[in-house]
Amino acid sequence: MERIYIGMGSNLADPAEQLRSAVEALGQLPQTTLAGVSAFYQSDSLLPGQPRYTNAVAALDSALAPLQLLDALQAIENDQGRERLERWGPRTLDLDILLFGDRLIDEPRLKVPHYQIQERAFVLYPLAELAPPELRLPDGRSLPDLLAACPFVGLERLPTD
């Protein structure tokens, strides 16, 4: 079993409910235990003119191989109505493997740590709720250093239900 962190985001079709449904689906994955879920956050879209995103991070303990997990995540996205019409376009659900144990993965379909993780406050702050404070990415960067370089700007932590 490896600890895996999944970034979750939605800006269509009741985003908070999309994330709650995704969390439920993650908890049903084979050979996988849902270890935790961060608070939900709202942030502006990276592209102008889109609705605000609701984001969170989930922690999984899983024995699935990286591409098996990727396939399972994409199946959850598809089940929740994800359509890939444009890169970084609006979406019902986006599930990204942020970290997969201490692995560096560089395959055509999967790059881990997730690219640009260091620039995404909507990923780093929810991740910090779940990860140990001494967490280091496989390339040696520490989570506290990444947080210090990526201010909590444009984020709104949503109240828990």
Protein backbone atom coordinates (compact mmCIF):
# COMPACT_ATOMS: atom_id res chain seq x y z
CA MET A 1 0.00 0.00 0.00
CA GLU A 2 1.21 3.45 -0.89
CA ARG A 3 -0.10 6.85 0.22
CA ILE A 4 -1.48 8.69 -2.78
CA TYR A 5 -2.88 12.20 -2.88
CA ILE A 6 -5.63 13.03 -5.36
CA GLY A 7 -6.52 16.57 -6.37
CA MET A 8 -10.22 17.07 -6.99
CA GLY A 9 -11.91 19.96 -8.76
CA SER A 10 -15.26 20.90 -10.27
CA ASN A 11 -16.91 24.04 -11.60
CA LEU A 12 -20.09 22.63 -13.18
CA ALA A 13 -23.31 20.91 -12.05
CA ASP A 14 -23.18 21.64 -8.29
CA PRO A 15 -19.41 21.41 -7.75
CA ALA A 16 -19.54 20.59 -4.02
CA GLU A 17 -21.90 17.70 -4.72
CA GLN A 18 -19.62 16.52 -7.53
CA LEU A 19 -16.73 16.37 -5.04
CA ARG A 20 -18.83 14.57 -2.42
CA SER A 21 -19.82 11.97 -5.05
CA ALA A 22 -16.19 11.60 -6.09
CA VAL A 23 -15.13 11.01 -2.47
CA GLU A 24 -17.76 8.29 -2.20
CA ALA A 25 -16.51 6.68 -5.43
CA LEU A 26 -12.87 6.87 -4.27
CA GLY A 27 -13.87 5.00 -1.12
CA GLN A 28 -15.20 2.15 -3.30
CA LEU A 29 -12.03 1.60 -5.35
CA PRO A 30 -10.58 -1.93 -5.14
CA GLN A 31 -7.43 -2.49 -3.08
CA THR A 32 -7.81 1.07 -1.79
CA THR A 33 -8.74 2.77 1.46
CA LEU A 34 -9.85 6.39 1.67
CA ALA A 35 -7.55 7.80 4.36
CA GLY A 36 -8.83 11.39 4.47
CA VAL A 37 -10.33 14.36 2.67
CA SER A 38 -9.43 18.02 3.06
CA ALA A 39 -11.87 20.85 3.44
CA PHE A 40 -13.36 22.20 0.23
CA TYR A 41 -11.99 25.44 -1.21
CA GLN A 42 -13.23 27.79 -3.88
CA SER A 43 -10.89 29.46 -6.33
CA ASP A 44 -11.08 31.39 -9.55
CA SER A 45 -10.58 29.46 -12.78
CA LEU A 46 -7.17 29.64 -14.39
CA LEU A 47 -8.94 30.82 -17.55
CA PRO A 48 -11.14 33.92 -17.52
CA GLY A 49 -14.88 33.62 -18.02
CA GLN A 50 -15.35 30.26 -16.28
CA PRO A 51 -17.28 29.66 -13.07
CA ARG A 52 -15.27 29.43 -9.85
CA TYR A 53 -13.89 26.01 -8.97
CA THR A 54 -14.47 23.98 -5.86
CA ASN A 55 -11.33 22.00 -4.98
CA ALA A 56 -10.17 19.50 -2.38
CA VAL A 57 -7.55 16.79 -1.88
CA ALA A 58 -8.16 13.17 -0.91
CA ALA A 59 -5.60 10.81 0.60
CA LEU A 60 -5.73 7.18 -0.45
CA ASP A 61 -3.81 4.11 0.67
CA SER A 62 -3.78 1.84 -2.36
CA ALA A 63 -2.15 -1.22 -3.82
CA LEU A 64 -3.20 -0.23 -7.35
CA ALA A 65 -0.48 0.47 -9.89
CA PRO A 66 -0.29 4.08 -11.08
CA LEU A 67 -1.94 3.50 -14.46
CA GLN A 68 -4.61 1.28 -12.90
CA LEU A 69 -5.45 4.11 -10.53
CA LEU A 70 -5.43 6.65 -13.37
CA ASP A 71 -7.88 4.48 -15.33
CA ALA A 72 -10.12 4.19 -12.26
CA LEU A 73 -10.06 7.96 -11.70
CA GLN A 74 -10.94 8.63 -15.33
CA ALA A 75 -13.83 6.16 -15.06
CA ILE A 76 -15.15 8.11 -12.03
CA GLU A 77 -14.83 11.37 -14.00
CA ASN A 78 -16.72 9.84 -16.93
CA ASP A 79 -19.43 8.44 -14.64
CA GLN A 80 -19.97 11.98 -13.35
CA GLY A 81 -20.38 13.45 -16.81
CA ARG A 82 -16.86 14.68 -17.57
CA GLU A 83 -16.46 15.80 -21.17
CA ARG A 84 -13.01 16.68 -22.47
CA LEU A 85 -13.92 19.43 -24.93
CA GLU A 86 -11.07 21.87 -24.31
CA ARG A 87 -7.89 21.86 -22.27
CA TRP A 88 -8.50 23.56 -18.91
CA GLY A 89 -12.14 23.97 -19.86
CA PRO A 90 -15.05 23.85 -17.42
CA ARG A 91 -15.70 20.40 -16.01
CA THR A 92 -18.02 18.43 -13.82
CA LEU A 93 -15.06 16.67 -12.24
CA ASP A 94 -11.30 16.59 -12.48
CA LEU A 95 -9.32 14.00 -10.51
CA ASP A 96 -5.53 14.27 -10.63
CA ILE A 97 -2.86 12.10 -9.05
CA LEU A 98 -0.74 14.68 -7.23
CA LEU A 99 1.67 12.36 -5.41
CA PHE A 100 2.05 8.59 -5.56
CA GLY A 101 4.13 7.54 -2.56
CA ASP A 102 7.65 8.79 -3.17
CA ARG A 103 7.60 7.92 -6.87
CA LEU A 104 8.66 10.09 -9.76
CA ILE A 105 6.50 9.00 -12.69
CA ASP A 106 7.12 10.24 -16.21
CA GLU A 107 4.95 8.35 -18.67
CA PRO A 108 3.00 9.66 -21.66
CA ARG A 109 -0.32 9.42 -19.76
CA LEU A 110 0.90 10.30 -16.27
CA LYS A 111 3.37 12.71 -14.71
CA VAL A 112 3.84 12.61 -10.92
CA PRO A 113 4.30 14.81 -8.98
CA HIS A 114 1.54 16.59 -10.83
CA TYR A 115 3.00 19.32 -13.04
CA GLN A 116 2.83 22.86 -11.69
CA ILE A 117 1.85 21.62 -8.22
CA GLN A 118 4.12 24.34 -6.82
CA GLU A 119 2.00 27.08 -8.44
CA ARG A 120 -1.42 25.83 -7.38
CA ALA A 121 -2.59 27.20 -4.03
CA PHE A 122 -5.87 25.31 -4.56
CA VAL A 123 -3.81 22.09 -4.45
CA LEU A 124 -1.12 22.93 -1.88
CA TYR A 125 -3.33 24.21 0.94
CA PRO A 126 -5.78 21.29 0.90
CA LEU A 127 -2.79 18.92 0.58
CA ALA A 128 -1.23 20.48 3.68
CA GLU A 129 -4.34 19.54 5.68
CA LEU A 130 -3.69 15.85 5.02
CA ALA A 131 0.05 15.41 4.52
CA PRO A 132 2.61 15.27 7.31
CA PRO A 133 4.29 18.67 7.77
CA GLU A 134 7.68 17.21 6.84
CA LEU A 135 6.40 15.92 3.48
CA ARG A 136 8.92 16.15 0.66
CA LEU A 137 8.12 15.68 -2.96
CA PRO A 138 10.15 13.00 -4.76
CA ASP A 139 12.37 15.74 -6.20
CA GLY A 140 13.27 16.94 -2.67
CA ARG A 141 11.09 20.04 -2.43
CA SER A 142 9.38 20.35 0.95
CA LEU A 143 5.71 21.12 1.40
CA PRO A 144 6.44 24.00 3.83
CA ASP A 145 8.74 25.61 1.24
CA LEU A 146 6.13 25.22 -1.49
CA LEU A 147 3.46 26.77 0.74
CA ALA A 148 5.73 29.69 1.63
CA ALA A 149 6.29 30.40 -2.07
CA CYS A 150 2.58 30.10 -2.99
CA PRO A 151 0.46 32.52 -0.96
CA PHE A 152 -3.11 31.82 0.06
CA VAL A 153 -4.49 34.29 -2.47
CA GLY A 154 -7.74 33.88 -4.34
CA LEU A 155 -8.76 30.92 -2.19
CA GLU A 156 -11.78 30.66 0.05
CA ARG A 157 -11.99 27.78 2.52
CA LEU A 158 -15.60 26.67 2.58
CA PRO A 159 -17.33 25.85 5.85
CA THR A 160 -17.71 22.15 6.53
CA ASP A 161 -21.23 20.77 6.26
